Amino acid sequence: MDAIERKAIELALKFEFENKVFSAEDFISELLGRRNISIKSLLAVFQKHNDGVKELVGKSYTTATYKKFEGFYKQVQDFIKHQYQREDVLLLNLKLKFILEFEHYLLTIRGMKQVSINKSTQRLKKIIKYAIMHEYLEKDPFALHKAKSVKQDVIFLNPEELSVLENYQFDSERLTKIQDCFIFCCYTGLAYREMSQLTQQNIVVGFDNKNWIKITS
């Protein structure tokens, strides 16, 4: 018993020194020499999710989407280090408070606008759902969460302003391309993301024998 007690103390000190996130089950498994510790922490699940997205780049996801999730991983990682002085947090410890603290961090430390904060919490919610679907987590900490509404004034160009933009000659080729893309979106009603994902396959001949844009959501 004394030997087991000493080993437990040494293990606890080791975990504390390494700033390692662990549950009671993990501690017992390590104490008994079992190494098959399942995924139980947020960033571990996040990394598994991102690895899956990376494998599907060019199939179900774009490179841009993968890079967004990688950037968001770093954002959550920085928050955990700032808020808890730890490398990771256990999934079972995730409560509504974690989400509220994350939003407060993005607002005060990162200086983000509410619309951007809402996008970040949406991505976090996606990771939480992934954890629940793969049975790493039972309760959804987002169950009582409600994103703050954002009122945005829509600014649009009138016909005269659009005409001025169409006829303006930029010295930069890069700005000319941006000008063409923006005007294209104005006349088609497409959002930038939809426009950027257009391919030749989206151009079809319509009933009037003219080219039409066809997008399947």
Protein backbone atom coordinates (compact mmCIF):
# COMPACT_ATOMS: atom_id res chain seq x y z
CA MET A 1 0.00 0.00 0.00
CA ASP A 2 2.85 2.37 0.81
CA ALA A 3 4.43 1.65 -2.58
CA ILE A 4 1.14 2.35 -4.38
CA GLU A 5 0.70 5.55 -2.42
CA ARG A 6 4.21 6.74 -3.33
CA LYS A 7 3.60 5.90 -6.99
CA ALA A 8 0.29 7.78 -6.96
CA ILE A 9 1.96 10.85 -5.44
CA GLU A 10 4.78 10.70 -8.00
CA LEU A 11 2.26 10.35 -10.82
CA ALA A 12 0.19 13.27 -9.55
CA LEU A 13 3.32 15.44 -9.35
CA LYS A 14 4.32 14.34 -12.85
CA PHE A 15 0.93 15.27 -14.29
CA GLU A 16 1.03 18.60 -12.48
CA PHE A 17 4.56 19.35 -13.71
CA GLU A 18 3.57 18.51 -17.30
CA ASN A 19 0.36 20.55 -16.91
CA LYS A 20 -1.43 17.48 -18.22
CA VAL A 21 -5.20 17.27 -18.46
CA PHE A 22 -6.53 14.01 -17.03
CA SER A 23 -9.59 12.44 -15.44
CA ALA A 24 -9.77 10.08 -12.46
CA GLU A 25 -10.14 7.20 -14.91
CA ASP A 26 -7.02 8.31 -16.77
CA PHE A 27 -5.09 8.57 -13.50
CA ILE A 28 -6.05 5.05 -12.44
CA SER A 29 -5.22 3.66 -15.89
CA GLU A 30 -1.80 5.28 -15.80
CA LEU A 31 -1.24 4.08 -12.24
CA LEU A 32 -2.02 0.51 -13.27
CA GLY A 33 0.15 0.71 -16.35
CA ARG A 34 -2.65 0.92 -18.92
CA ARG A 35 -1.87 3.22 -21.84
CA ASN A 36 -5.08 2.97 -23.86
CA ILE A 37 -6.44 6.31 -22.72
CA SER A 38 -9.30 7.43 -24.95
CA ILE A 39 -9.79 10.94 -26.25
CA LYS A 40 -11.30 13.01 -23.46
CA SER A 41 -10.00 16.55 -23.99
CA LEU A 42 -11.29 19.36 -26.18
CA LEU A 43 -8.17 20.03 -28.23
CA ALA A 44 -7.58 16.31 -28.79
CA VAL A 45 -11.07 16.01 -30.30
CA PHE A 46 -10.50 19.25 -32.21
CA GLN A 47 -7.29 17.86 -33.72
CA LYS A 48 -9.03 14.63 -34.68
CA HIS A 49 -11.75 16.67 -36.38
CA ASN A 50 -9.19 18.76 -38.28
CA ASP A 51 -7.29 15.66 -39.38
CA GLY A 52 -10.54 14.35 -40.84
CA VAL A 53 -11.18 17.63 -42.65
CA LYS A 54 -7.65 17.58 -44.07
CA GLU A 55 -8.21 14.11 -45.52
CA LEU A 56 -11.34 15.37 -47.30
CA VAL A 57 -9.78 18.49 -48.85
CA GLY A 58 -10.67 18.45 -52.53
CA LYS A 59 -13.63 16.16 -51.87
CA SER A 60 -16.01 17.51 -49.23
CA TYR A 61 -13.92 20.48 -48.04
CA THR A 62 -11.74 23.18 -49.55
CA THR A 63 -8.22 24.08 -48.46
CA ALA A 64 -9.59 27.42 -47.23
CA THR A 65 -12.05 25.64 -44.91
CA TYR A 66 -9.28 23.47 -43.49
CA LYS A 67 -7.08 26.51 -42.86
CA LYS A 68 -9.97 28.25 -41.08
CA PHE A 69 -10.36 25.33 -38.68
CA GLU A 70 -6.59 25.24 -38.10
CA GLY A 71 -6.62 28.95 -37.30
CA PHE A 72 -9.59 28.49 -34.99
CA TYR A 73 -7.80 25.62 -33.22
CA LYS A 74 -4.99 28.04 -32.39
CA GLN A 75 -7.54 30.59 -31.17
CA VAL A 76 -9.13 28.11 -28.74
CA GLN A 77 -5.70 26.88 -27.66
CA ASP A 78 -4.60 30.45 -26.83
CA PHE A 79 -7.82 31.02 -24.88
CA ILE A 80 -7.29 27.90 -22.74
CA LYS A 81 -3.73 28.93 -21.95
CA HIS A 82 -4.84 32.47 -21.08
CA GLN A 83 -7.91 31.55 -19.06
CA TYR A 84 -6.84 28.37 -17.29
CA GLN A 85 -3.03 28.31 -17.64
CA ARG A 86 -3.34 24.79 -19.03
CA GLU A 87 -2.58 23.07 -22.32
CA ASP A 88 -6.07 21.59 -22.67
CA VAL A 89 -9.38 21.02 -20.87
CA LEU A 90 -11.41 17.87 -20.29
CA LEU A 91 -14.61 17.51 -22.28
CA LEU A 92 -16.53 16.53 -19.17
CA ASN A 93 -15.60 19.89 -17.62
CA LEU A 94 -17.12 21.89 -20.46
CA LYS A 95 -20.04 23.94 -19.19
CA LEU A 96 -21.91 27.00 -20.41
CA LYS A 97 -19.43 29.04 -18.37
CA PHE A 98 -16.61 27.93 -20.69
CA ILE A 99 -18.46 29.34 -23.71
CA LEU A 100 -19.29 32.61 -21.98
CA GLU A 101 -15.66 33.02 -20.88
CA PHE A 102 -14.52 32.28 -24.43
CA GLU A 103 -16.82 34.99 -25.81
CA HIS A 104 -15.58 37.44 -23.16
CA TYR A 105 -11.97 36.61 -24.11
CA LEU A 106 -12.63 37.25 -27.80
CA LEU A 107 -14.30 40.57 -26.98
CA THR A 108 -11.82 41.93 -24.44
CA ILE A 109 -8.46 40.32 -25.24
CA ARG A 110 -8.82 39.77 -28.98
CA GLY A 111 -10.90 42.91 -29.56
CA MET A 112 -13.25 41.13 -31.94
CA LYS A 113 -16.65 42.43 -33.06
CA GLN A 114 -19.79 40.56 -32.02
CA VAL A 115 -20.45 39.27 -35.53
CA SER A 116 -16.97 37.65 -35.58
CA ILE A 117 -17.46 36.30 -32.05
CA ASN A 118 -20.69 34.63 -33.18
CA LYS A 119 -18.83 32.94 -36.05
CA SER A 120 -16.20 31.65 -33.62
CA THR A 121 -18.80 30.23 -31.25
CA GLN A 122 -20.50 28.57 -34.23
CA ARG A 123 -17.24 26.82 -35.08
CA LEU A 124 -16.81 25.78 -31.45
CA LYS A 125 -20.36 24.43 -31.48
CA LYS A 126 -19.47 22.35 -34.56
CA ILE A 127 -16.55 20.76 -32.67
CA ILE A 128 -18.79 20.05 -29.67
CA LYS A 129 -21.35 18.38 -31.93
CA TYR A 130 -18.56 16.33 -33.46
CA ALA A 131 -17.54 15.18 -29.96
CA ILE A 132 -21.14 14.23 -29.12
CA MET A 133 -21.64 12.36 -32.40
CA HIS A 134 -18.49 10.32 -31.76
CA GLU A 135 -19.56 9.65 -28.16
CA TYR A 136 -16.67 11.55 -26.57
CA LEU A 137 -19.16 13.81 -24.82
CA GLU A 138 -22.67 13.23 -23.50
CA LYS A 139 -24.07 16.63 -22.52
CA ASP A 140 -24.08 19.62 -24.85
CA PRO A 141 -22.73 22.75 -23.10
CA PHE A 142 -24.40 24.79 -25.86
CA ALA A 143 -27.88 23.61 -24.81
CA LEU A 144 -28.60 26.87 -22.95
CA HIS A 145 -26.38 29.13 -25.03
CA LYS A 146 -27.87 31.86 -27.18
CA ALA A 147 -25.74 33.97 -29.51
CA LYS A 148 -26.08 37.72 -29.13
CA SER A 149 -27.97 39.31 -32.00
CA VAL A 150 -26.12 41.74 -34.23
CA LYS A 151 -27.86 44.56 -36.06
CA GLN A 152 -26.02 45.61 -39.18
CA ASP A 153 -26.90 48.46 -41.49
CA VAL A 154 -26.79 47.26 -45.08
CA ILE A 155 -24.86 49.70 -47.27
CA PHE A 156 -25.58 49.45 -50.98
CA LEU A 157 -24.59 51.30 -54.13
CA ASN A 158 -27.18 53.20 -56.11
CA PRO A 159 -27.13 52.92 -59.95
CA GLU A 160 -25.05 56.08 -60.35
CA GLU A 161 -22.41 54.91 -57.85
CA LEU A 162 -22.25 51.47 -59.48
CA SER A 163 -21.76 53.12 -62.88
CA VAL A 164 -18.86 55.20 -61.54
CA LEU A 165 -17.22 52.04 -60.18
CA GLU A 166 -17.72 50.20 -63.48
CA ASN A 167 -16.04 52.93 -65.49
CA TYR A 168 -13.19 53.66 -63.07
CA GLN A 169 -9.74 52.67 -64.35
CA PHE A 170 -7.45 51.24 -61.68
CA ASP A 171 -3.69 51.29 -62.17
CA SER A 172 -3.28 48.00 -60.34
CA GLU A 173 -4.18 44.72 -62.07
CA ARG A 174 -5.06 43.24 -58.66
CA LEU A 175 -7.57 46.03 -57.94
CA THR A 176 -9.03 45.65 -61.43
CA LYS A 177 -9.71 41.97 -60.74
CA ILE A 178 -11.32 42.85 -57.41
CA GLN A 179 -13.42 45.47 -59.21
CA ASP A 180 -14.62 42.89 -61.77
CA CYS A 181 -15.50 40.37 -59.05
CA PHE A 182 -17.42 42.95 -57.01
CA ILE A 183 -19.42 44.17 -60.01
CA PHE A 184 -20.13 40.55 -61.00
CA CYS A 185 -21.57 39.92 -57.51
CA CYS A 186 -23.68 43.10 -57.77
CA TYR A 187 -25.34 41.98 -61.00
CA THR A 188 -25.75 38.29 -60.14
CA GLY A 189 -26.69 38.66 -56.46
CA LEU A 190 -24.10 36.08 -55.49
CA ALA A 191 -22.23 36.36 -52.21
CA TYR A 192 -18.44 36.49 -52.42
CA ARG A 193 -18.12 32.91 -51.19
CA GLU A 194 -20.53 31.62 -53.83
CA MET A 195 -18.74 33.60 -56.54
CA SER A 196 -15.31 32.34 -55.46
CA GLN A 197 -16.45 28.72 -55.70
CA LEU A 198 -17.91 28.99 -59.21
CA THR A 199 -16.50 26.65 -61.85
CA GLN A 200 -17.18 26.09 -65.53
CA GLN A 201 -19.62 23.35 -64.52
CA ASN A 202 -21.87 26.01 -62.94
CA ILE A 203 -22.43 27.67 -66.34
CA VAL A 204 -25.27 25.98 -68.22
CA VAL A 205 -27.33 26.80 -71.29
CA GLY A 206 -30.85 27.82 -70.30
CA PHE A 207 -34.25 27.62 -71.99
CA ASP A 208 -33.42 30.79 -73.96
CA ASN A 209 -30.12 29.34 -75.27
CA LYS A 210 -28.20 31.79 -73.11
CA ASN A 211 -25.68 31.04 -70.38
CA TRP A 212 -27.09 30.75 -66.86
CA ILE A 213 -25.45 30.21 -63.49
CA LYS A 214 -26.63 27.03 -61.82
CA ILE A 215 -25.72 26.37 -58.18
CA THR A 216 -26.93 23.37 -56.19
CA SER A 217 -26.94 23.99 -52.43
